[in-house]
Each structure stands twice: as structure tokens, then as C-alpha cells.
């Protein structure tokens, strides 16, 4: 068993009754040091994994379980978006809830605004805002990739499949890294838009509630990948992409 709290030094201090303040200060400092070392040991070790793509070729430690060409991503997404799991129940429930919010807003604005303005804000929510949001969504994928050590990060699109994606060329992502990369845009953007729906007045509620629903459906690919990990939760899966060959590889730790 590997000890994650390496580098923690156990220290003993003797004190006399008249020096309680020193001991109290030391205990406080020791507690902070322990928390810092624990953080570095468990969290940073998982985030900053030193594995290279070549390391996964060691068949005594790793086994390739999936290879996906970028041209086959839609097939993969449609497959795993339909597979039952608690995660997919959450995803489809979120879609229904956000659609319900949009319907409630639409009912509430009936008779208060001209149809032309309603159609204009419908266009904003269904088309304009989602298109504008694409770079923001992809940036929120890039940030955790960059923090985890990836530097050869590329953004691409496949208009035939209507896909936009971020890939980190030959960067090995741990299960924790990949989950954070995949879920972050959904969490941040959904929370931000929900707040705006409740805070902004009138027709902005309508356009933004539509946008909230549409953006959630745009996250289907992210949830399909997360569902792949969910359905293989007993396996420790590492992944890396070859952006030149447009291939994604998944390896199981043996």
C-alpha cells in the first residue's frame, strides 16, 4: 500500500505550565502542516499524474479497452447516452427540469409582450446564445486540462457531426482529471444561467431559460463520456488523445 502522506514529519515538543501559548501555537501550526501535506499527498498526486502515453503500452500494468476515432464520436455518444445509470437519470432529469422552467416562463409572459419580441428572444435563446457560448464552454474544458499539466491543447470541430471538442495531445488524464474536465462547463454555465433567469426581468427570463435547456442538451457528449466511466467505475481508466491521428484511447490499470 502506497503511503500518500509522504513528507509529514512527526515532532515532539515539551512544554511547561507557563508556556501553554507556545504549545497552542505549535499545535495550530502542526494542524495546518498536516492538512497541507494531506492535500499535497492525496489531491495533487491525483491531479498531477506523471504518466506518459508510452507508459500505457506496458501490458503488465495497463490494457487498452477502447479506441475511438473522432469520426465515430457521435456513435459512441448515442450509445452511452442511452445506457442506464444514475448519472444518466440525473442528466435527463436536468433536461426535463430546465425545459419545464422554460415552459413556466413562457406561460407567465403570455399577453404581456408583442409576439415579435417573443420570437426575437426565442431566436436569442435557441440560436444566438448557444453559438456565443461555444467558446466559453470549450474554455471551461481547457482550464482544468491546463491546470493538470497539459500544454498541447487543441480545439477542433467536426461540422458533419456538429461537434466541437477540446483535446490535449498525448496528455494522459487520470479518472479524476477527466471527470473534472468533462463536468466543469455544465456545472458553471448551468448555475450562472439559472441565477440570471431568476434575476433578470421580462423577456430575458424567456431567452435565458431556453438557452439553459439548449446548453444542457449540448452537454450530451460530456455526459456520455462520464457515463462510460460510471459504467466502468470498478476500473481505473486512463485516457489520452492523439490529436494528429484524431484518436482517443482508453486504458485500464490491471
Protein backbone atom coordinates (compact mmCIF):
# COMPACT_ATOMS: atom_id res chain seq x y z
CA UNK A 1 0.00 0.00 0.00
CA UNK A 2 1.39 3.35 -1.01
CA UNK A 3 1.52 6.00 1.66
CA UNK A 4 0.17 9.28 0.29
CA UNK A 5 1.13 11.48 3.20
CA UNK A 6 4.84 11.35 2.44
CA UNK A 7 6.93 14.06 3.92
CA UNK A 8 4.88 14.56 7.08
CA UNK A 9 7.29 14.92 9.98
CA UNK A 10 6.25 13.87 13.44
CA UNK A 11 7.60 16.24 16.01
CA UNK A 12 7.52 16.17 19.81
CA UNK A 13 7.58 19.26 21.97
CA UNK A 14 7.86 19.53 25.74
CA UNK A 15 6.33 22.48 27.48
CA UNK A 16 5.90 23.78 30.98
CA UNK A 17 2.72 25.15 32.56
CA UNK A 18 3.79 28.70 31.95
CA UNK A 19 4.31 28.11 28.21
CA UNK A 20 0.84 26.99 27.11
CA UNK A 21 0.62 29.69 24.44
CA UNK A 22 3.66 28.26 22.69
CA UNK A 23 2.19 24.78 22.69
CA UNK A 24 -1.15 26.05 21.42
CA UNK A 25 0.56 27.90 18.60
CA UNK A 26 2.62 24.84 17.72
CA UNK A 27 -0.44 22.60 17.67
CA UNK A 28 -2.23 25.03 15.36
CA UNK A 29 0.79 25.19 13.07
CA UNK A 30 1.14 21.40 13.13
CA UNK A 31 -2.54 21.02 12.19
CA UNK A 32 -2.11 23.33 9.21
CA UNK A 33 1.05 21.49 8.14
CA UNK A 34 -0.76 18.16 8.38
CA UNK A 35 -3.65 19.44 6.25
CA UNK A 36 -1.26 20.84 3.66
CA UNK A 37 0.67 17.57 3.41
CA UNK A 38 -2.54 15.59 3.22
CA UNK A 39 -3.78 17.84 0.40
CA UNK A 40 -0.50 17.51 -1.46
CA UNK A 41 -0.45 13.77 -0.93
CA UNK A 42 -3.97 12.85 -2.00
CA UNK A 43 -5.25 15.58 -4.26
CA UNK A 44 -2.18 16.86 -6.05
CA UNK A 45 -0.89 13.35 -6.61
CA UNK A 46 -4.13 12.50 -8.41
CA UNK A 47 -4.23 15.75 -10.40
CA UNK A 48 -0.59 15.93 -11.45
CA UNK A 49 -0.06 12.41 -12.70
CA UNK A 50 3.33 11.91 -14.30
CA UNK A 51 2.25 9.11 -16.64
CA UNK A 52 3.21 9.44 -20.29
CA UNK A 53 1.30 7.94 -23.20
CA UNK A 54 4.17 5.50 -23.76
CA UNK A 55 3.83 4.20 -20.19
CA UNK A 56 0.41 2.79 -21.00
CA UNK A 57 1.99 0.43 -23.53
CA UNK A 58 3.28 -1.64 -20.60
CA UNK A 59 0.94 -4.62 -20.91
CA UNK A 60 1.87 -5.88 -17.45
CA UNK A 61 0.23 -2.80 -15.91
CA UNK A 62 -2.30 -1.48 -18.43
CA UNK A 63 -4.71 -2.85 -21.01
CA UNK A 64 -6.35 -0.89 -23.82
CA UNK A 65 -10.12 -1.22 -23.56
CA UNK A 66 -11.32 1.29 -26.13
CA UNK A 67 -10.09 3.31 -29.08
CA UNK A 68 -12.42 5.87 -30.65
CA UNK A 69 -11.76 7.69 -33.92
CA UNK A 70 -13.09 11.23 -33.80
CA UNK A 71 -15.29 10.35 -36.77
CA UNK A 72 -17.03 7.79 -34.57
CA UNK A 73 -17.74 10.07 -31.62
CA UNK A 74 -21.42 10.53 -32.43
CA UNK A 75 -21.93 6.76 -32.50
CA UNK A 76 -20.18 6.48 -29.12
CA UNK A 77 -22.23 9.35 -27.66
CA UNK A 78 -25.56 7.93 -28.85
CA UNK A 79 -24.61 4.54 -27.41
CA UNK A 80 -23.60 5.71 -23.93
CA UNK A 81 -26.23 8.44 -23.60
CA UNK A 82 -28.85 5.66 -23.75
CA UNK A 83 -27.19 3.32 -21.26
CA UNK A 84 -28.92 3.34 -17.90
CA UNK A 85 -27.13 4.69 -14.84
CA UNK A 86 -27.77 7.12 -12.01
CA UNK A 87 -25.73 9.69 -13.91
CA UNK A 88 -27.99 9.48 -16.96
CA UNK A 89 -31.07 9.74 -14.76
CA UNK A 90 -29.58 12.98 -13.46
CA UNK A 91 -28.82 14.25 -16.99
CA UNK A 92 -32.27 13.54 -18.42
CA UNK A 93 -33.90 14.90 -15.26
CA UNK A 94 -31.90 18.12 -15.64
CA UNK A 95 -33.11 18.39 -19.25
CA UNK A 96 -36.72 17.95 -18.16
CA UNK A 97 -36.42 20.40 -15.27
CA UNK A 98 -34.83 23.10 -17.42
CA UNK A 99 -37.41 22.52 -20.16
CA UNK A 100 -40.11 22.84 -17.52
CA UNK A 101 -38.65 26.14 -16.30
CA UNK A 102 -38.75 27.45 -19.89
CA UNK A 103 -42.39 26.40 -20.25
CA UNK A 104 -43.37 28.10 -16.99
CA UNK A 105 -41.62 31.32 -18.04
CA UNK A 106 -43.35 31.21 -21.44
CA UNK A 107 -46.77 30.81 -19.81
CA UNK A 108 -46.09 33.69 -17.42
CA UNK A 109 -45.16 36.14 -20.19
CA UNK A 110 -48.20 35.35 -22.34
CA UNK A 111 -50.16 38.51 -23.13
CA UNK A 112 -47.55 40.89 -21.74
CA UNK A 113 -45.28 41.29 -24.77
CA UNK A 114 -45.74 41.56 -28.56
CA UNK A 115 -45.27 38.32 -30.46
CA UNK A 116 -42.42 39.89 -32.44
CA UNK A 117 -40.41 40.46 -29.25
CA UNK A 118 -41.16 36.94 -28.02
CA UNK A 119 -39.95 35.50 -31.34
CA UNK A 120 -36.81 37.65 -31.17
CA UNK A 121 -35.94 36.40 -27.69
CA UNK A 122 -36.77 32.85 -28.76
CA UNK A 123 -34.17 33.23 -31.52
CA UNK A 124 -31.67 34.54 -28.98
CA UNK A 125 -32.20 31.59 -26.64
CA UNK A 126 -32.30 28.86 -29.27
CA UNK A 127 -29.56 30.05 -31.66
CA UNK A 128 -27.55 33.14 -30.74
CA UNK A 129 -26.73 32.46 -27.08
CA UNK A 130 -25.76 28.79 -27.67
CA UNK A 131 -23.44 29.78 -30.53
CA UNK A 132 -21.85 32.55 -28.46
CA UNK A 133 -21.46 30.10 -25.56
CA UNK A 134 -19.44 27.52 -27.52
CA UNK A 135 -16.05 29.25 -26.94
CA UNK A 136 -16.89 29.72 -23.25
CA UNK A 137 -17.88 26.07 -22.91
CA UNK A 138 -14.66 24.90 -24.55
CA UNK A 139 -12.58 27.30 -22.44
CA UNK A 140 -14.02 25.69 -19.33
CA UNK A 141 -12.73 22.35 -20.65
CA UNK A 142 -9.31 23.89 -21.35
CA UNK A 143 -8.77 25.39 -17.88
CA UNK A 144 -8.72 22.10 -15.89
CA UNK A 145 -6.67 20.46 -18.65
CA UNK A 146 -4.08 23.24 -18.36
CA UNK A 147 -4.07 23.11 -14.55
CA UNK A 148 -3.47 19.35 -14.69
CA UNK A 149 -0.31 19.91 -16.73
CA UNK A 150 -1.48 19.59 -20.34
CA UNK A 151 0.17 22.08 -22.70
CA UNK A 152 -0.54 20.81 -26.23
CA UNK A 153 -4.23 21.65 -26.03
CA UNK A 154 -6.20 21.94 -29.24
CA UNK A 155 -9.74 22.98 -30.05
CA UNK A 156 -11.48 21.41 -33.01
CA UNK A 157 -14.83 20.92 -34.68
CA UNK A 158 -16.50 18.42 -36.96
CA UNK A 159 -19.37 20.15 -38.73
CA UNK A 160 -20.58 16.88 -40.29
CA UNK A 161 -21.24 15.56 -36.78
CA UNK A 162 -21.94 19.05 -35.40
CA UNK A 163 -19.26 18.51 -32.75
CA UNK A 164 -16.92 20.91 -31.02
CA UNK A 165 -14.20 19.46 -28.84
CA UNK A 166 -11.07 20.13 -26.81
CA UNK A 167 -8.21 17.65 -26.85
CA UNK A 168 -4.88 17.54 -25.03
CA UNK A 169 -2.41 15.92 -27.43
CA UNK A 170 -0.71 12.89 -25.84
CA UNK A 171 -1.61 14.04 -22.33
CA UNK A 172 -2.58 11.17 -20.06
CA UNK A 173 -5.63 12.10 -17.99
CA UNK A 174 -6.41 10.31 -14.73
CA UNK A 175 -10.03 9.41 -13.90
CA UNK A 176 -10.29 12.43 -11.59
CA UNK A 177 -8.84 14.80 -14.17
CA UNK A 178 -11.14 13.58 -16.90
CA UNK A 179 -14.27 13.83 -14.78
CA UNK A 180 -13.44 17.42 -13.82
CA UNK A 181 -12.68 18.36 -17.44
CA UNK A 182 -15.97 16.85 -18.62
CA UNK A 183 -18.36 18.18 -15.97
CA UNK A 184 -17.00 21.69 -15.32
CA UNK A 185 -18.73 23.55 -18.22
CA UNK A 186 -22.12 22.07 -17.36
CA UNK A 187 -21.84 22.99 -13.69
CA UNK A 188 -20.57 26.55 -14.08
CA UNK A 189 -22.73 27.58 -17.03
CA UNK A 190 -25.90 25.97 -15.65
CA UNK A 191 -25.53 27.71 -12.29
CA UNK A 192 -24.75 31.06 -13.93
CA UNK A 193 -27.71 30.92 -16.34
CA UNK A 194 -30.12 29.74 -13.63
CA UNK A 195 -29.20 32.73 -11.49
CA UNK A 196 -29.73 35.07 -14.44
CA UNK A 197 -33.15 33.53 -15.18
CA UNK A 198 -34.29 34.41 -11.66
CA UNK A 199 -32.59 37.81 -11.50
CA UNK A 200 -33.30 39.37 -14.91
CA UNK A 201 -36.73 40.74 -15.85
CA UNK A 202 -39.28 40.08 -18.57
CA UNK A 203 -38.31 38.50 -21.84
CA UNK A 204 -34.73 37.90 -20.74
CA UNK A 205 -36.10 35.17 -18.50
CA UNK A 206 -37.60 33.53 -21.59
CA UNK A 207 -34.50 33.69 -23.79
CA UNK A 208 -32.19 32.58 -20.98
CA UNK A 209 -34.45 29.73 -19.85
CA UNK A 210 -34.45 28.45 -23.44
CA UNK A 211 -30.67 28.81 -23.52
CA UNK A 212 -30.38 26.89 -20.24
CA UNK A 213 -32.25 23.95 -21.75
CA UNK A 214 -30.35 24.04 -25.06
CA UNK A 215 -26.95 24.22 -23.34
CA UNK A 216 -27.82 21.17 -21.25
CA UNK A 217 -28.55 19.19 -24.41
CA UNK A 218 -25.23 20.44 -25.79
CA UNK A 219 -23.53 18.68 -22.86
CA UNK A 220 -24.76 15.25 -24.03
CA UNK A 221 -21.29 14.30 -25.31
CA UNK A 222 -19.68 15.19 -21.98
CA UNK A 223 -22.24 13.11 -20.10
CA UNK A 224 -21.82 10.17 -22.48
CA UNK A 225 -18.09 10.11 -21.69
CA UNK A 226 -18.81 10.45 -17.98
CA UNK A 227 -21.29 7.59 -18.27
CA UNK A 228 -18.59 5.43 -19.83
CA UNK A 229 -16.53 6.00 -16.68
CA UNK A 230 -19.59 5.48 -14.49
CA UNK A 231 -20.42 2.12 -16.05
CA UNK A 232 -16.79 1.09 -15.61
CA UNK A 233 -16.46 2.52 -12.09
CA UNK A 234 -14.66 -0.56 -10.80
CA UNK A 235 -11.86 0.08 -13.29
CA UNK A 236 -9.19 2.75 -13.04
CA UNK A 237 -9.25 4.19 -16.54
CA UNK A 238 -6.63 6.48 -18.07
CA UNK A 239 -7.14 8.23 -21.38
CA UNK A 240 -5.10 10.17 -23.90
CA UNK A 241 -5.71 11.57 -27.37
CA UNK A 242 -3.61 11.61 -30.48
CA UNK A 243 -4.78 14.89 -31.98
CA UNK A 244 -2.81 14.28 -35.19
CA UNK A 245 -4.46 10.93 -35.85
CA UNK A 246 -7.74 12.14 -34.31
CA UNK A 247 -7.99 9.14 -32.00
CA UNK A 248 -8.95 8.80 -28.34
CA UNK A 249 -7.57 5.88 -26.32
CA UNK A 250 -8.73 4.45 -23.01
CA UNK A 251 -6.64 2.13 -20.85
CA UNK A 252 -7.50 0.10 -17.78
CA UNK A 253 -5.00 -0.29 -14.97
CA UNK A 254 -4.53 -4.01 -14.38
